[in-house]
C-alpha atoms as a PDB file:
ATOM      1  CA  UNK A   1     -11.471  12.365  -2.815  1.00  0.00           C
ATOM      2  CA  UNK A   2     -14.631  12.977  -0.832  1.00  0.00           C
ATOM      3  CA  UNK A   3     -12.767  14.887   1.868  1.00  0.00           C
ATOM      4  CA  UNK A   4     -11.051  16.969  -0.823  1.00  0.00           C
ATOM      5  CA  UNK A   5     -14.385  17.765  -2.443  1.00  0.00           C
ATOM      6  CA  UNK A   6     -15.846  18.752   0.916  1.00  0.00           C
ATOM      7  CA  UNK A   7     -12.781  20.850   1.689  1.00  0.00           C
ATOM      8  CA  UNK A   8     -13.034  22.601  -1.671  1.00  0.00           C
ATOM      9  CA  UNK A   9     -16.754  23.372  -1.304  1.00  0.00           C
ATOM     10  CA  UNK A  10     -16.603  24.644   2.293  1.00  0.00           C
ATOM     11  CA  UNK A  11     -18.662  27.785   1.507  1.00  0.00           C
ATOM     12  CA  UNK A  12     -21.605  25.670   0.288  1.00  0.00           C
ATOM     13  CA  UNK A  13     -21.922  23.443   3.370  1.00  0.00           C
ATOM     14  CA  UNK A  14     -24.700  25.586   4.875  1.00  0.00           C
ATOM     15  CA  UNK A  15     -26.837  25.340   1.746  1.00  0.00           C
ATOM     16  CA  UNK A  16     -26.340  21.568   1.645  1.00  0.00           C
ATOM     17  CA  UNK A  17     -27.295  21.081   5.294  1.00  0.00           C
ATOM     18  CA  UNK A  18     -23.755  20.225   6.362  1.00  0.00           C
ATOM     19  CA  UNK A  19     -23.296  23.181   8.723  1.00  0.00           C
ATOM     20  CA  UNK A  20     -22.768  20.724  11.602  1.00  0.00           C
ATOM     21  CA  UNK A  21     -19.572  19.453   9.931  1.00  0.00           C
ATOM     22  CA  UNK A  22     -16.298  20.833  11.269  1.00  0.00           C
ATOM     23  CA  UNK A  23     -13.694  22.149   8.860  1.00  0.00           C
ATOM     24  CA  UNK A  24     -10.925  20.974  11.217  1.00  0.00           C
ATOM     25  CA  UNK A  25     -12.218  17.390  11.099  1.00  0.00           C
ATOM     26  CA  UNK A  26     -12.493  17.413   7.302  1.00  0.00           C
ATOM     27  CA  UNK A  27      -8.988  18.902   7.052  1.00  0.00           C
ATOM     28  CA  UNK A  28      -7.580  16.248   9.417  1.00  0.00           C
ATOM     29  CA  UNK A  29      -9.248  13.423   7.471  1.00  0.00           C
ATOM     30  CA  UNK A  30      -7.950  14.885   4.211  1.00  0.00           C
ATOM     31  CA  UNK A  31      -4.421  15.197   5.616  1.00  0.00           C
ATOM     32  CA  UNK A  32      -4.491  11.620   6.975  1.00  0.00           C
ATOM     33  CA  UNK A  33      -5.633  10.352   3.580  1.00  0.00           C
ATOM     34  CA  UNK A  34      -2.801  12.224   1.898  1.00  0.00           C
ATOM     35  CA  UNK A  35      -0.246  10.703   4.262  1.00  0.00           C
ATOM     36  CA  UNK A  36      -1.736   7.230   3.693  1.00  0.00           C
ATOM     37  CA  UNK A  37      -1.467   7.585  -0.081  1.00  0.00           C
ATOM     38  CA  UNK A  38       2.085   8.930   0.193  1.00  0.00           C
ATOM     39  CA  UNK A  39       3.220   6.101   2.484  1.00  0.00           C
ATOM     40  CA  UNK A  40       1.545   3.538   0.182  1.00  0.00           C
ATOM     41  CA  UNK A  41       3.486   4.959  -2.762  1.00  0.00           C
ATOM     42  CA  UNK A  42       6.815   5.037  -0.906  1.00  0.00           C
ATOM     43  CA  UNK A  43       6.463   1.448   0.345  1.00  0.00           C
ATOM     44  CA  UNK A  44       5.538   0.123  -3.094  1.00  0.00           C
ATOM     45  CA  UNK A  45       8.412   1.921  -4.810  1.00  0.00           C
ATOM     46  CA  UNK A  46      10.790   0.542  -2.180  1.00  0.00           C
ATOM     47  CA  UNK A  47       9.414  -2.997  -2.600  1.00  0.00           C
ATOM     48  CA  UNK A  48      10.016  -2.815  -6.353  1.00  0.00           C
ATOM     49  CA  UNK A  49      13.735  -2.282  -5.692  1.00  0.00           C
ATOM     50  CA  UNK A  50      14.200  -5.294  -3.366  1.00  0.00           C
ATOM     51  CA  UNK A  51      14.669  -7.877  -6.122  1.00  0.00           C
ATOM     52  CA  UNK A  52      17.837  -9.246  -7.688  1.00  0.00           C
ATOM     53  CA  UNK A  53      17.873  -6.269 -10.063  1.00  0.00           C
ATOM     54  CA  UNK A  54      16.540  -2.748  -9.689  1.00  0.00           C
ATOM     55  CA  UNK A  55      13.327  -3.409 -11.625  1.00  0.00           C
ATOM     56  CA  UNK A  56      12.901  -7.146 -11.033  1.00  0.00           C
ATOM     57  CA  UNK A  57       9.577  -6.804  -9.231  1.00  0.00           C
ATOM     58  CA  UNK A  58       8.129  -3.980 -11.334  1.00  0.00           C
ATOM     59  CA  UNK A  59       5.871  -6.240 -13.375  1.00  0.00           C
ATOM     60  CA  UNK A  60       4.618  -8.039 -10.270  1.00  0.00           C
ATOM     61  CA  UNK A  61       3.855  -4.724  -8.580  1.00  0.00           C
ATOM     62  CA  UNK A  62       1.847  -3.507 -11.577  1.00  0.00           C
ATOM     63  CA  UNK A  63      -0.098  -6.642 -12.521  1.00  0.00           C
ATOM     64  CA  UNK A  64      -0.028  -8.487  -9.177  1.00  0.00           C
ATOM     65  CA  UNK A  65       1.579 -11.652 -10.539  1.00  0.00           C
ATOM     66  CA  UNK A  66       5.151 -12.853 -10.898  1.00  0.00           C
ATOM     67  CA  UNK A  67       6.427 -16.108 -12.315  1.00  0.00           C
ATOM     68  CA  UNK A  68       9.192 -17.675 -10.266  1.00  0.00           C
ATOM     69  CA  UNK A  69      11.332 -20.536 -11.534  1.00  0.00           C
ATOM     70  CA  UNK A  70      11.153 -23.704  -9.472  1.00  0.00           C
ATOM     71  CA  UNK A  71      14.485 -25.040  -8.298  1.00  0.00           C
ATOM     72  CA  UNK A  72      15.215 -28.728  -8.200  1.00  0.00           C
ATOM     73  CA  UNK A  73      17.789 -28.456  -5.426  1.00  0.00           C
ATOM     74  CA  UNK A  74      16.476 -28.424  -1.879  1.00  0.00           C
ATOM     75  CA  UNK A  75      18.335 -26.110   0.446  1.00  0.00           C
ATOM     76  CA  UNK A  76      20.101 -27.529   3.526  1.00  0.00           C
ATOM     77  CA  UNK A  77      17.986 -25.510   5.951  1.00  0.00           C
ATOM     78  CA  UNK A  78      14.831 -26.974   4.398  1.00  0.00           C
ATOM     79  CA  UNK A  79      16.029 -30.565   4.770  1.00  0.00           C
ATOM     80  CA  UNK A  80      16.944 -29.984   8.430  1.00  0.00           C
ATOM     81  CA  UNK A  81      13.558 -28.468   9.256  1.00  0.00           C
ATOM     82  CA  UNK A  82      11.728 -31.327   7.512  1.00  0.00           C
ATOM     83  CA  UNK A  83      13.711 -33.891   9.504  1.00  0.00           C
ATOM     84  CA  UNK A  84      12.802 -32.146  12.765  1.00  0.00           C
ATOM     85  CA  UNK A  85       9.075 -32.096  11.958  1.00  0.00           C
ATOM     86  CA  UNK A  86       9.064 -35.778  10.902  1.00  0.00           C
ATOM     87  CA  UNK A  87      10.663 -36.906  14.194  1.00  0.00           C
END
């Protein structure tokens, strides 16, 4: 937001004592921030769709918490790895 505000008020930089600041640098920082926000959004939308249903992880993505049922059965791969570490 700061880079956008600086970009928008380019004509006032001299009056504010920011004449040393380069417009190209501010534009590059603003562009990089835009790409970062866009990639953040794309990754989070993709991660929502990776559950057992299309919106299974939507609540977890919004509030940061998801309740997962505990299973009583232990998978075969887990038993084998426990036996290896105990030996």
